[in-house]
Amino acid sequence: MNRTEFVVATAIILLVAFAMGWFTHWLLHRFTRVKGGDMAEMDKLAQSLHEAEELRDQALAYLEQREAELMNHISQTEAELKAAMEGLRDARHEAEEMRAYIERMHANG
């Protein structure tokens, strides 16, 4: 095969490959084309998705707010518990002192 035949054969092969690619693209485009009714349905689905995302964002904001409120409530409850435990410890200590005082008074009396 001389140089001219090689160039012609290569050109024919490239032309056939281009034609097959173009035809394949045309077929795919023809079969996967979105029709008008499908586009309306896609718009409806997009709107529903948008509404769902807004609801999700609202729910997340509510949960974050609720979590902050509960954490604040837990902190307050823990502070009250700590204060109550300190008061109980002081009351037990005072009761122990009173018992010791009463026992001394009975022992002396």
PDB file of N, CA and C in Angstrom:
ATOM      1  N   MET A   1       0.853  -1.162   0.000  1.00  0.00           N
ATOM      2  CA  MET A   1       0.000   0.000   0.000  1.00  0.00           C
ATOM      3  C   MET A   1       0.907   1.236   0.000  1.00  0.00           C
ATOM      4  N   ASN A   2       0.675   2.102  -0.971  1.00  0.00           N
ATOM      5  CA  ASN A   2       1.517   3.295  -1.023  1.00  0.00           C
ATOM      6  C   ASN A   2       0.916   4.392  -0.136  1.00  0.00           C
ATOM      7  N   ARG A   3       1.570   5.516  -0.134  1.00  0.00           N
ATOM      8  CA  ARG A   3       1.193   6.596   0.771  1.00  0.00           C
ATOM      9  C   ARG A   3      -0.187   7.149   0.441  1.00  0.00           C
ATOM     10  N   THR A   4      -0.540   7.319  -0.777  1.00  0.00           N
ATOM     11  CA  THR A   4      -1.831   7.875  -1.176  1.00  0.00           C
ATOM     12  C   THR A   4      -2.954   6.936  -0.773  1.00  0.00           C
ATOM     13  N   GLU A   5      -2.807   5.656  -0.995  1.00  0.00           N
ATOM     14  CA  GLU A   5      -3.827   4.685  -0.598  1.00  0.00           C
ATOM     15  C   GLU A   5      -4.005   4.678   0.914  1.00  0.00           C
ATOM     16  N   PHE A   6      -2.911   4.815   1.628  1.00  0.00           N
ATOM     17  CA  PHE A   6      -2.969   4.846   3.094  1.00  0.00           C
ATOM     18  C   PHE A   6      -3.746   6.077   3.573  1.00  0.00           C
ATOM     19  N   VAL A   7      -3.491   7.240   2.983  1.00  0.00           N
ATOM     20  CA  VAL A   7      -4.192   8.472   3.355  1.00  0.00           C
ATOM     21  C   VAL A   7      -5.671   8.350   3.029  1.00  0.00           C
ATOM     22  N   VAL A   8      -6.019   7.798   1.871  1.00  0.00           N
ATOM     23  CA  VAL A   8      -7.420   7.632   1.488  1.00  0.00           C
ATOM     24  C   VAL A   8      -8.104   6.643   2.425  1.00  0.00           C
ATOM     25  N   ALA A   9      -7.458   5.539   2.741  1.00  0.00           N
ATOM     26  CA  ALA A   9      -8.049   4.544   3.646  1.00  0.00           C
ATOM     27  C   ALA A   9      -8.261   5.141   5.032  1.00  0.00           C
ATOM     28  N   THR A  10      -7.288   5.904   5.507  1.00  0.00           N
ATOM     29  CA  THR A  10      -7.418   6.546   6.817  1.00  0.00           C
ATOM     30  C   THR A  10      -8.562   7.553   6.799  1.00  0.00           C
ATOM     31  N   ALA A  11      -8.680   8.327   5.726  1.00  0.00           N
ATOM     32  CA  ALA A  11      -9.759   9.310   5.618  1.00  0.00           C
ATOM     33  C   ALA A  11     -11.112   8.617   5.603  1.00  0.00           C
ATOM     34  N   ILE A  12     -11.231   7.512   4.886  1.00  0.00           N
ATOM     35  CA  ILE A  12     -12.502   6.769   4.832  1.00  0.00           C
ATOM     36  C   ILE A  12     -12.848   6.210   6.213  1.00  0.00           C
ATOM     37  N   ILE A  13     -11.867   5.661   6.894  1.00  0.00           N
ATOM     38  CA  ILE A  13     -12.095   5.107   8.241  1.00  0.00           C
ATOM     39  C   ILE A  13     -12.541   6.210   9.187  1.00  0.00           C
ATOM     40  N   LEU A  14     -11.883   7.364   9.144  1.00  0.00           N
ATOM     41  CA  LEU A  14     -12.271   8.480  10.009  1.00  0.00           C
ATOM     42  C   LEU A  14     -13.662   8.999   9.664  1.00  0.00           C
ATOM     43  N   LEU A  15     -13.992   9.058   8.366  1.00  0.00           N
ATOM     44  CA  LEU A  15     -15.319   9.504   7.956  1.00  0.00           C
ATOM     45  C   LEU A  15     -16.401   8.536   8.439  1.00  0.00           C
ATOM     46  N   VAL A  16     -16.146   7.238   8.322  1.00  0.00           N
ATOM     47  CA  VAL A  16     -17.104   6.229   8.800  1.00  0.00           C
ATOM     48  C   VAL A  16     -17.254   6.322  10.318  1.00  0.00           C
ATOM     49  N   ALA A  17     -16.144   6.511  11.046  1.00  0.00           N
ATOM     50  CA  ALA A  17     -16.218   6.637  12.502  1.00  0.00           C
ATOM     51  C   ALA A  17     -17.014   7.876  12.894  1.00  0.00           C
ATOM     52  N   PHE A  18     -16.793   8.996  12.191  1.00  0.00           N
ATOM     53  CA  PHE A  18     -17.542  10.216  12.464  1.00  0.00           C
ATOM     54  C   PHE A  18     -19.032  10.012  12.192  1.00  0.00           C
ATOM     55  N   ALA A  19     -19.349   9.384  11.072  1.00  0.00           N
ATOM     56  CA  ALA A  19     -20.747   9.144  10.709  1.00  0.00           C
ATOM     57  C   ALA A  19     -21.424   8.246  11.740  1.00  0.00           C
ATOM     58  N   MET A  20     -20.728   7.198  12.192  1.00  0.00           N
ATOM     59  CA  MET A  20     -21.313   6.308  13.205  1.00  0.00           C
ATOM     60  C   MET A  20     -21.527   7.051  14.521  1.00  0.00           C
ATOM     61  N   GLY A  21     -20.583   7.889  14.901  1.00  0.00           N
ATOM     62  CA  GLY A  21     -20.725   8.669  16.127  1.00  0.00           C
ATOM     63  C   GLY A  21     -21.880   9.638  16.044  1.00  0.00           C
ATOM     64  N   TRP A  22     -21.985  10.326  14.902  1.00  0.00           N
ATOM     65  CA  TRP A  22     -23.078  11.275  14.726  1.00  0.00           C
ATOM     66  C   TRP A  22     -24.415  10.553  14.750  1.00  0.00           C
ATOM     67  N   PHE A  23     -24.521   9.419  14.072  1.00  0.00           N
ATOM     68  CA  PHE A  23     -25.766   8.648  14.032  1.00  0.00           C
ATOM     69  C   PHE A  23     -26.135   8.157  15.430  1.00  0.00           C
ATOM     70  N   THR A  24     -25.150   7.694  16.171  1.00  0.00           N
ATOM     71  CA  THR A  24     -25.401   7.229  17.543  1.00  0.00           C
ATOM     72  C   THR A  24     -25.908   8.385  18.407  1.00  0.00           C
ATOM     73  N   HIS A  25     -25.279   9.530  18.275  1.00  0.00           N
ATOM     74  CA  HIS A  25     -25.717  10.705  19.022  1.00  0.00           C
ATOM     75  C   HIS A  25     -27.148  11.074  18.644  1.00  0.00           C
ATOM     76  N   TRP A  26     -27.462  11.048  17.382  1.00  0.00           N
ATOM     77  CA  TRP A  26     -28.797  11.386  16.917  1.00  0.00           C
ATOM     78  C   TRP A  26     -29.831  10.411  17.487  1.00  0.00           C
ATOM     79  N   LEU A  27     -29.494   9.092  17.480  1.00  0.00           N
ATOM     80  CA  LEU A  27     -30.417   8.100  18.037  1.00  0.00           C
ATOM     81  C   LEU A  27     -30.646   8.320  19.532  1.00  0.00           C
ATOM     82  N   LEU A  28     -29.571   8.520  20.261  1.00  0.00           N
ATOM     83  CA  LEU A  28     -29.708   8.737  21.701  1.00  0.00           C
ATOM     84  C   LEU A  28     -30.525   9.990  21.982  1.00  0.00           C
ATOM     85  N   HIS A  29     -30.257  11.053  21.237  1.00  0.00           N
ATOM     86  CA  HIS A  29     -31.002  12.288  21.433  1.00  0.00           C
ATOM     87  C   HIS A  29     -32.477  12.093  21.096  1.00  0.00           C
ATOM     88  N   ARG A  30     -32.741  11.329  20.080  1.00  0.00           N
ATOM     89  CA  ARG A  30     -34.123  11.091  19.647  1.00  0.00           C
ATOM     90  C   ARG A  30     -34.904  10.292  20.689  1.00  0.00           C
ATOM     91  N   PHE A  31     -34.273   9.285  21.281  1.00  0.00           N
ATOM     92  CA  PHE A  31     -34.984   8.418  22.223  1.00  0.00           C
ATOM     93  C   PHE A  31     -35.022   8.973  23.642  1.00  0.00           C
ATOM     94  N   THR A  32     -34.102   9.838  23.994  1.00  0.00           N
ATOM     95  CA  THR A  32     -34.077  10.362  25.361  1.00  0.00           C
ATOM     96  C   THR A  32     -34.573  11.789  25.446  1.00  0.00           C
ATOM     97  N   ARG A  33     -35.154  12.293  24.392  1.00  0.00           N
ATOM     98  CA  ARG A  33     -35.654  13.663  24.384  1.00  0.00           C
ATOM     99  C   ARG A  33     -36.804  13.794  25.376  1.00  0.00           C
ATOM    100  N   VAL A  34     -36.832  14.917  26.103  1.00  0.00           N
ATOM    101  CA  VAL A  34     -37.887  15.172  27.079  1.00  0.00           C
ATOM    102  C   VAL A  34     -39.059  15.810  26.363  1.00  0.00           C
ATOM    103  N   LYS A  35     -40.217  15.240  26.544  1.00  0.00           N
ATOM    104  CA  LYS A  35     -41.423  15.771  25.915  1.00  0.00           C
ATOM    105  C   LYS A  35     -42.013  16.862  26.793  1.00  0.00           C
ATOM    106  N   GLY A  36     -42.968  17.627  26.256  1.00  0.00           N
ATOM    107  CA  GLY A  36     -43.574  18.746  26.979  1.00  0.00           C
ATOM    108  C   GLY A  36     -44.237  18.313  28.271  1.00  0.00           C
ATOM    109  N   GLY A  37     -44.970  17.213  28.255  1.00  0.00           N
ATOM    110  CA  GLY A  37     -45.637  16.715  29.458  1.00  0.00           C
ATOM    111  C   GLY A  37     -44.626  16.281  30.509  1.00  0.00           C
ATOM    112  N   ASP A  38     -43.549  15.700  30.051  1.00  0.00           N
ATOM    113  CA  ASP A  38     -42.505  15.292  30.985  1.00  0.00           C
ATOM    114  C   ASP A  38     -41.839  16.508  31.624  1.00  0.00           C
ATOM    115  N   MET A  39     -41.717  17.581  30.847  1.00  0.00           N
ATOM    116  CA  MET A  39     -41.105  18.789  31.389  1.00  0.00           C
ATOM    117  C   MET A  39     -41.976  19.390  32.489  1.00  0.00           C
ATOM    118  N   ALA A  40     -43.293  19.363  32.304  1.00  0.00           N
ATOM    119  CA  ALA A  40     -44.197  19.861  33.342  1.00  0.00           C
ATOM    120  C   ALA A  40     -44.075  19.008  34.598  1.00  0.00           C
ATOM    121  N   GLU A  41     -43.953  17.709  34.413  1.00  0.00           N
ATOM    122  CA  GLU A  41     -43.788  16.816  35.557  1.00  0.00           C
ATOM    123  C   GLU A  41     -42.458  17.076  36.260  1.00  0.00           C
ATOM    124  N   MET A  42     -41.417  17.322  35.472  1.00  0.00           N
ATOM    125  CA  MET A  42     -40.110  17.634  36.063  1.00  0.00           C
ATOM    126  C   MET A  42     -40.163  18.945  36.845  1.00  0.00           C
ATOM    127  N   ASP A  43     -40.895  19.945  36.334  1.00  0.00           N
ATOM    128  CA  ASP A  43     -41.063  21.203  37.063  1.00  0.00           C
ATOM    129  C   ASP A  43     -41.800  20.969  38.377  1.00  0.00           C
ATOM    130  N   LYS A  44     -42.824  20.122  38.321  1.00  0.00           N
ATOM    131  CA  LYS A  44     -43.579  19.803  39.536  1.00  0.00           C
ATOM    132  C   LYS A  44     -42.686  19.090  40.552  1.00  0.00           C
ATOM    133  N   LEU A  45     -41.878  18.150  40.084  1.00  0.00           N
ATOM    134  CA  LEU A  45     -40.963  17.442  40.977  1.00  0.00           C
ATOM    135  C   LEU A  45     -39.914  18.387  41.558  1.00  0.00           C
ATOM    136  N   ALA A  46     -39.426  19.311  40.726  1.00  0.00           N
ATOM    137  CA  ALA A  46     -38.446  20.288  41.214  1.00  0.00           C
ATOM    138  C   ALA A  46     -39.062  21.175  42.293  1.00  0.00           C
ATOM    139  N   GLN A  47     -40.300  21.593  42.091  1.00  0.00           N
ATOM    140  CA  GLN A  47     -40.985  22.414  43.086  1.00  0.00           C
ATOM    141  C   GLN A  47     -41.194  21.627  44.380  1.00  0.00           C
ATOM    142  N   SER A  48     -41.592  20.363  44.255  1.00  0.00           N
ATOM    143  CA  SER A  48     -41.775  19.526  45.443  1.00  0.00           C
ATOM    144  C   SER A  48     -40.459  19.341  46.185  1.00  0.00           C
ATOM    145  N   LEU A  49     -39.386  19.148  45.437  1.00  0.00           N
ATOM    146  CA  LEU A  49     -38.069  19.005  46.053  1.00  0.00           C
ATOM    147  C   LEU A  49     -37.684  20.282  46.785  1.00  0.00           C
ATOM    148  N   HIS A  50     -37.935  21.419  46.165  1.00  0.00           N
ATOM    149  CA  HIS A  50     -37.622  22.697  46.800  1.00  0.00           C
ATOM    150  C   HIS A  50     -38.408  22.869  48.100  1.00  0.00           C
ATOM    151  N   GLU A  51     -39.701  22.542  48.076  1.00  0.00           N
ATOM    152  CA  GLU A  51     -40.525  22.637  49.285  1.00  0.00           C
ATOM    153  C   GLU A  51     -40.030  21.687  50.365  1.00  0.00           C
ATOM    154  N   ALA A  52     -39.639  20.480  49.957  1.00  0.00           N
ATOM    155  CA  ALA A  52     -39.121  19.510  50.932  1.00  0.00           C
ATOM    156  C   ALA A  52     -37.827  20.008  51.555  1.00  0.00           C
ATOM    157  N   GLU A  53     -36.972  20.632  50.761  1.00  0.00           N
ATOM    158  CA  GLU A  53     -35.722  21.171  51.305  1.00  0.00           C
ATOM    159  C   GLU A  53     -36.004  22.303  52.287  1.00  0.00           C
ATOM    160  N   GLU A  54     -36.996  23.153  51.973  1.00  0.00           N
ATOM    161  CA  GLU A  54     -37.361  24.226  52.903  1.00  0.00           C
ATOM    162  C   GLU A  54     -37.891  23.653  54.212  1.00  0.00           C
ATOM    163  N   LEU A  55     -38.733  22.638  54.117  1.00  0.00           N
ATOM    164  CA  LEU A  55     -39.253  21.996  55.334  1.00  0.00           C
ATOM    165  C   LEU A  55     -38.134  21.373  56.150  1.00  0.00           C
ATOM    166  N   ARG A  56     -37.183  20.742  55.451  1.00  0.00           N
ATOM    167  CA  ARG A  56     -36.046  20.152  56.150  1.00  0.00           C
ATOM    168  C   ARG A  56     -35.233  21.228  56.861  1.00  0.00           C
ATOM    169  N   ASP A  57     -34.999  22.359  56.192  1.00  0.00           N
ATOM    170  CA  ASP A  57     -34.251  23.453  56.811  1.00  0.00           C
ATOM    171  C   ASP A  57     -34.983  24.002  58.029  1.00  0.00           C
ATOM    172  N   GLN A  58     -36.305  24.124  57.918  1.00  0.00           N
ATOM    173  CA  GLN A  58     -37.094  24.595  59.061  1.00  0.00           C
ATOM    174  C   GLN A  58     -37.022  23.604  60.214  1.00  0.00           C
ATOM    175  N   ALA A  59     -37.099  22.319  59.891  1.00  0.00           N
ATOM    176  CA  ALA A  59     -37.024  21.295  60.934  1.00  0.00           C
ATOM    177  C   ALA A  59     -35.664  21.313  61.610  1.00  0.00           C
ATOM    178  N   LEU A  60     -34.598  21.478  60.828  1.00  0.00           N
ATOM    179  CA  LEU A  60     -33.264  21.538  61.420  1.00  0.00           C
ATOM    180  C   LEU A  60     -33.111  22.766  62.321  1.00  0.00           C
ATOM    181  N   ALA A  61     -33.652  23.898  61.880  1.00  0.00           N
ATOM    182  CA  ALA A  61     -33.586  25.109  62.708  1.00  0.00           C
ATOM    183  C   ALA A  61     -34.359  24.901  64.007  1.00  0.00           C
ATOM    184  N   TYR A  62     -35.544  24.280  63.916  1.00  0.00           N
ATOM    185  CA  TYR A  62     -36.336  24.014  65.120  1.00  0.00           C
ATOM    186  C   TYR A  62     -35.585  23.071  66.058  1.00  0.00           C
ATOM    187  N   LEU A  63     -34.970  22.032  65.492  1.00  0.00           N
ATOM    188  CA  LEU A  63     -34.238  21.086  66.332  1.00  0.00           C
ATOM    189  C   LEU A  63     -33.048  21.750  67.011  1.00  0.00           C
ATOM    190  N   GLU A  64     -32.347  22.617  66.284  1.00  0.00           N
ATOM    191  CA  GLU A  64     -31.216  23.319  66.896  1.00  0.00           C
ATOM    192  C   GLU A  64     -31.687  24.231  68.020  1.00  0.00           C
ATOM    193  N   GLN A  65     -32.810  24.936  67.792  1.00  0.00           N
ATOM    194  CA  GLN A  65     -33.357  25.808  68.826  1.00  0.00           C
ATOM    195  C   GLN A  65     -33.791  24.982  70.036  1.00  0.00           C
ATOM    196  N   ARG A  66     -34.462  23.891  69.767  1.00  0.00           N
ATOM    197  CA  ARG A  66     -34.951  23.023  70.864  1.00  0.00           C
ATOM    198  C   ARG A  66     -33.773  22.421  71.638  1.00  0.00           C
ATOM    199  N   GLU A  67     -32.742  22.023  70.907  1.00  0.00           N
ATOM    200  CA  GLU A  67     -31.557  21.467  71.567  1.00  0.00           C
ATOM    201  C   GLU A  67     -30.900  22.515  72.459  1.00  0.00           C
ATOM    202  N   ALA A  68     -30.816  23.758  71.990  1.00  0.00           N
ATOM    203  CA  ALA A  68     -30.234  24.830  72.802  1.00  0.00           C
ATOM    204  C   ALA A  68     -31.064  25.058  74.058  1.00  0.00           C
ATOM    205  N   GLU A  69     -32.396  25.051  73.909  1.00  0.00           N
ATOM    206  CA  GLU A  69     -33.276  25.222  75.072  1.00  0.00           C
ATOM    207  C   GLU A  69     -33.075  24.088  76.076  1.00  0.00           C
ATOM    208  N   LEU A  70     -33.013  22.866  75.572  1.00  0.00           N
ATOM    209  CA  LEU A  70     -32.843  21.720  76.471  1.00  0.00           C
ATOM    210  C   LEU A  70     -31.477  21.727  77.155  1.00  0.00           C
ATOM    211  N   MET A  71     -30.445  22.115  76.411  1.00  0.00           N
ATOM    212  CA  MET A  71     -29.115  22.202  77.024  1.00  0.00           C
ATOM    213  C   MET A  71     -29.108  23.266  78.119  1.00  0.00           C
ATOM    214  N   ASN A  72     -29.788  24.396  77.889  1.00  0.00           N
ATOM    215  CA  ASN A  72     -29.897  25.441  78.899  1.00  0.00           C
ATOM    216  C   ASN A  72     -30.642  24.914  80.116  1.00  0.00           C
ATOM    217  N   HIS A  73     -31.721  24.186  79.866  1.00  0.00           N
ATOM    218  CA  HIS A  73     -32.502  23.606  80.961  1.00  0.00           C
ATOM    219  C   HIS A  73     -31.660  22.600  81.757  1.00  0.00           C
ATOM    220  N   ILE A  74     -30.885  21.797  81.047  1.00  0.00           N
ATOM    221  CA  ILE A  74     -30.012  20.829  81.730  1.00  0.00           C
ATOM    222  C   ILE A  74     -28.981  21.550  82.585  1.00  0.00           C
ATOM    223  N   SER A  75     -28.399  22.622  82.053  1.00  0.00           N
ATOM    224  CA  SER A  75     -27.412  23.386  82.824  1.00  0.00           C
ATOM    225  C   SER A  75     -28.038  23.965  84.085  1.00  0.00           C
ATOM    226  N   GLN A  76     -29.251  24.517  83.951  1.00  0.00           N
ATOM    227  CA  GLN A  76     -29.935  25.062  85.124  1.00  0.00           C
ATOM    228  C   GLN A  76     -30.247  23.964  86.135  1.00  0.00           C
ATOM    229  N   THR A  77     -30.691  22.822  85.641  1.00  0.00           N
ATOM    230  CA  THR A  77     -31.015  21.706  86.535  1.00  0.00           C
ATOM    231  C   THR A  77     -29.769  21.201  87.256  1.00  0.00           C
ATOM    232  N   GLU A  78     -28.659  21.118  86.522  1.00  0.00           N
ATOM    233  CA  GLU A  78     -27.410  20.693  87.164  1.00  0.00           C
ATOM    234  C   GLU A  78     -26.966  21.696  88.223  1.00  0.00           C
ATOM    235  N   ALA A  79     -27.133  22.993  87.966  1.00  0.00           N
ATOM    236  CA  ALA A  79     -26.774  24.009  88.960  1.00  0.00           C
ATOM    237  C   ALA A  79     -27.663  23.886  90.194  1.00  0.00           C
ATOM    238  N   GLU A  80     -28.968  23.665  89.966  1.00  0.00           N
ATOM    239  CA  GLU A  80     -29.882  23.486  91.096  1.00  0.00           C
ATOM    240  C   GLU A  80     -29.528  22.227  91.886  1.00  0.00           C
ATOM    241  N   LEU A  81     -29.183  21.159  91.191  1.00  0.00           N
ATOM    242  CA  LEU A  81     -28.797  19.919  91.863  1.00  0.00           C
ATOM    243  C   LEU A  81     -27.547  20.127  92.703  1.00  0.00           C
ATOM    244  N   LYS A  82     -26.591  20.836  92.141  1.00  0.00           N
ATOM    245  CA  LYS A  82     -25.348  21.103  92.880  1.00  0.00           C
ATOM    246  C   LYS A  82     -25.649  21.914  94.137  1.00  0.00           C
ATOM    247  N   ALA A  83     -26.509  22.931  93.982  1.00  0.00           N
ATOM    248  CA  ALA A  83     -26.872  23.746  95.141  1.00  0.00           C
ATOM    249  C   ALA A  83     -27.615  22.903  96.181  1.00  0.00           C
ATOM    250  N   ALA A  84     -28.523  22.041  95.727  1.00  0.00           N
ATOM    251  CA  ALA A  84     -29.269  21.189  96.656  1.00  0.00           C
ATOM    252  C   ALA A  84     -28.336  20.214  97.376  1.00  0.00           C
ATOM    253  N   MET A  85     -27.371  19.658  96.654  1.00  0.00           N
ATOM    254  CA  MET A  85     -26.427  18.724  97.278  1.00  0.00           C
ATOM    255  C   MET A  85     -25.569  19.436  98.326  1.00  0.00           C
ATOM    256  N   GLU A  86     -25.150  20.671  98.015  1.00  0.00           N
ATOM    257  CA  GLU A  86     -24.378  21.433  99.000  1.00  0.00           C
ATOM    258  C   GLU A  86     -25.225  21.748 100.222  1.00  0.00           C
ATOM    259  N   GLY A  87     -26.509  22.113  99.996  1.00  0.00           N
ATOM    260  CA  GLY A  87     -27.415  22.371 101.111  1.00  0.00           C
ATOM    261  C   GLY A  87     -27.631  21.119 101.956  1.00  0.00           C
ATOM    262  N   LEU A  88     -27.781  19.969 101.309  1.00  0.00           N
ATOM    263  CA  LEU A  88     -27.957  18.705 102.016  1.00  0.00           C
ATOM    264  C   LEU A  88     -26.714  18.358 102.826  1.00  0.00           C
ATOM    265  N   ARG A  89     -25.547  18.582 102.244  1.00  0.00           N
ATOM    266  CA  ARG A  89     -24.293  18.314 102.954  1.00  0.00           C
ATOM    267  C   ARG A  89     -24.184  19.215 104.181  1.00  0.00           C
ATOM    268  N   ASP A  90     -24.546  20.496 104.010  1.00  0.00           N
ATOM    269  CA  ASP A  90     -24.504  21.414 105.156  1.00  0.00           C
ATOM    270  C   ASP A  90     -25.514  20.997 106.226  1.00  0.00           C
ATOM    271  N   ALA A  91     -26.711  20.560 105.781  1.00  0.00           N
ATOM    272  CA  ALA A  91     -27.730  20.140 106.743  1.00  0.00           C
ATOM    273  C   ALA A  91     -27.277  18.877 107.485  1.00  0.00           C
ATOM    274  N   ARG A  92     -26.658  17.944 106.793  1.00  0.00           N
ATOM    275  CA  ARG A  92     -26.162  16.732 107.466  1.00  0.00           C
ATOM    276  C   ARG A  92     -25.067  17.091 108.465  1.00  0.00           C
ATOM    277  N   HIS A  93     -24.197  17.996 108.053  1.00  0.00           N
ATOM    278  CA  HIS A  93     -23.118  18.404 108.959  1.00  0.00           C
ATOM    279  C   HIS A  93     -23.703  19.080 110.203  1.00  0.00           C
ATOM    280  N   GLU A  94     -24.698  19.953 109.996  1.00  0.00           N
ATOM    281  CA  GLU A  94     -25.347  20.630 111.111  1.00  0.00           C
ATOM    282  C   GLU A  94     -26.075  19.627 112.000  1.00  0.00           C
ATOM    283  N   ALA A  95     -26.761  18.638 111.391  1.00  0.00           N
ATOM    284  CA  ALA A  95     -27.463  17.619 112.176  1.00  0.00           C
ATOM    285  C   ALA A  95     -26.456  16.801 112.983  1.00  0.00           C
ATOM    286  N   GLU A  96     -25.311  16.500 112.401  1.00  0.00           N
ATOM    287  CA  GLU A  96     -24.283  15.749 113.129  1.00  0.00           C
ATOM    288  C   GLU A  96     -23.758  16.567 114.307  1.00  0.00           C
ATOM    289  N   GLU A  97     -23.585  17.858 114.100  1.00  0.00           N
ATOM    290  CA  GLU A  97     -23.140  18.723 115.202  1.00  0.00           C
ATOM    291  C   GLU A  97     -24.192  18.773 116.306  1.00  0.00           C
ATOM    292  N   MET A  98     -25.475  18.823 115.900  1.00  0.00           N
ATOM    293  CA  MET A  98     -26.549  18.854 116.893  1.00  0.00           C
ATOM    294  C   MET A  98     -26.597  17.548 117.681  1.00  0.00           C
ATOM    295  N   ARG A  99     -26.418  16.418 117.024  1.00  0.00           N
ATOM    296  CA  ARG A  99     -26.398  15.128 117.738  1.00  0.00           C
ATOM    297  C   ARG A  99     -25.241  15.086 118.726  1.00  0.00           C
ATOM    298  N   ALA A 100     -24.104  15.536 118.249  1.00  0.00           N
ATOM    299  CA  ALA A 100     -22.936  15.527 119.143  1.00  0.00           C
ATOM    300  C   ALA A 100     -23.180  16.441 120.338  1.00  0.00           C
ATOM    301  N   TYR A 101     -23.795  17.594 120.108  1.00  0.00           N
ATOM    302  CA  TYR A 101     -24.095  18.529 121.199  1.00  0.00           C
ATOM    303  C   TYR A 101     -25.092  17.912 122.180  1.00  0.00           C
ATOM    304  N   ILE A 102     -26.138  17.267 121.614  1.00  0.00           N
ATOM    305  CA  ILE A 102     -27.141  16.637 122.484  1.00  0.00           C
ATOM    306  C   ILE A 102     -26.510  15.511 123.295  1.00  0.00           C
ATOM    307  N   GLU A 103     -25.665  14.712 122.646  1.00  0.00           N
ATOM    308  CA  GLU A 103     -25.002  13.620 123.371  1.00  0.00           C
ATOM    309  C   GLU A 103     -24.106  14.168 124.469  1.00  0.00           C
ATOM    310  N   ARG A 104     -23.439  15.282 124.233  1.00  0.00           N
ATOM    311  CA  ARG A 104     -22.587  15.881 125.280  1.00  0.00           C
ATOM    312  C   ARG A 104     -23.446  16.398 126.423  1.00  0.00           C
ATOM    313  N   MET A 105     -24.604  16.977 126.070  1.00  0.00           N
ATOM    314  CA  MET A 105     -25.476  17.515 127.126  1.00  0.00           C
ATOM    315  C   MET A 105     -26.038  16.382 127.993  1.00  0.00           C
ATOM    316  N   HIS A 106     -26.372  15.268 127.362  1.00  0.00           N
ATOM    317  CA  HIS A 106     -26.878  14.117 128.136  1.00  0.00           C
ATOM    318  C   HIS A 106     -25.742  13.498 128.958  1.00  0.00           C
ATOM    319  N   ALA A 107     -24.574  13.496 128.415  1.00  0.00           N
ATOM    320  CA  ALA A 107     -23.458  12.917 129.138  1.00  0.00           C
ATOM    321  C   ALA A 107     -23.081  13.814 130.328  1.00  0.00           C
ATOM    322  N   ASN A 108     -23.197  15.101 130.206  1.00  0.00           N
ATOM    323  CA  ASN A 108     -22.858  16.049 131.286  1.00  0.00           C
ATOM    324  C   ASN A 108     -24.000  16.175 132.267  1.00  0.00           C
ATOM    325  N   GLY A 109     -25.196  15.954 131.825  1.00  0.00           N
ATOM    326  CA  GLY A 109     -26.365  16.241 132.645  1.00  0.00           C
ATOM    327  C   GLY A 109     -26.758  15.164 133.537  1.00  0.00           C
TER     328      GLY A 109
END
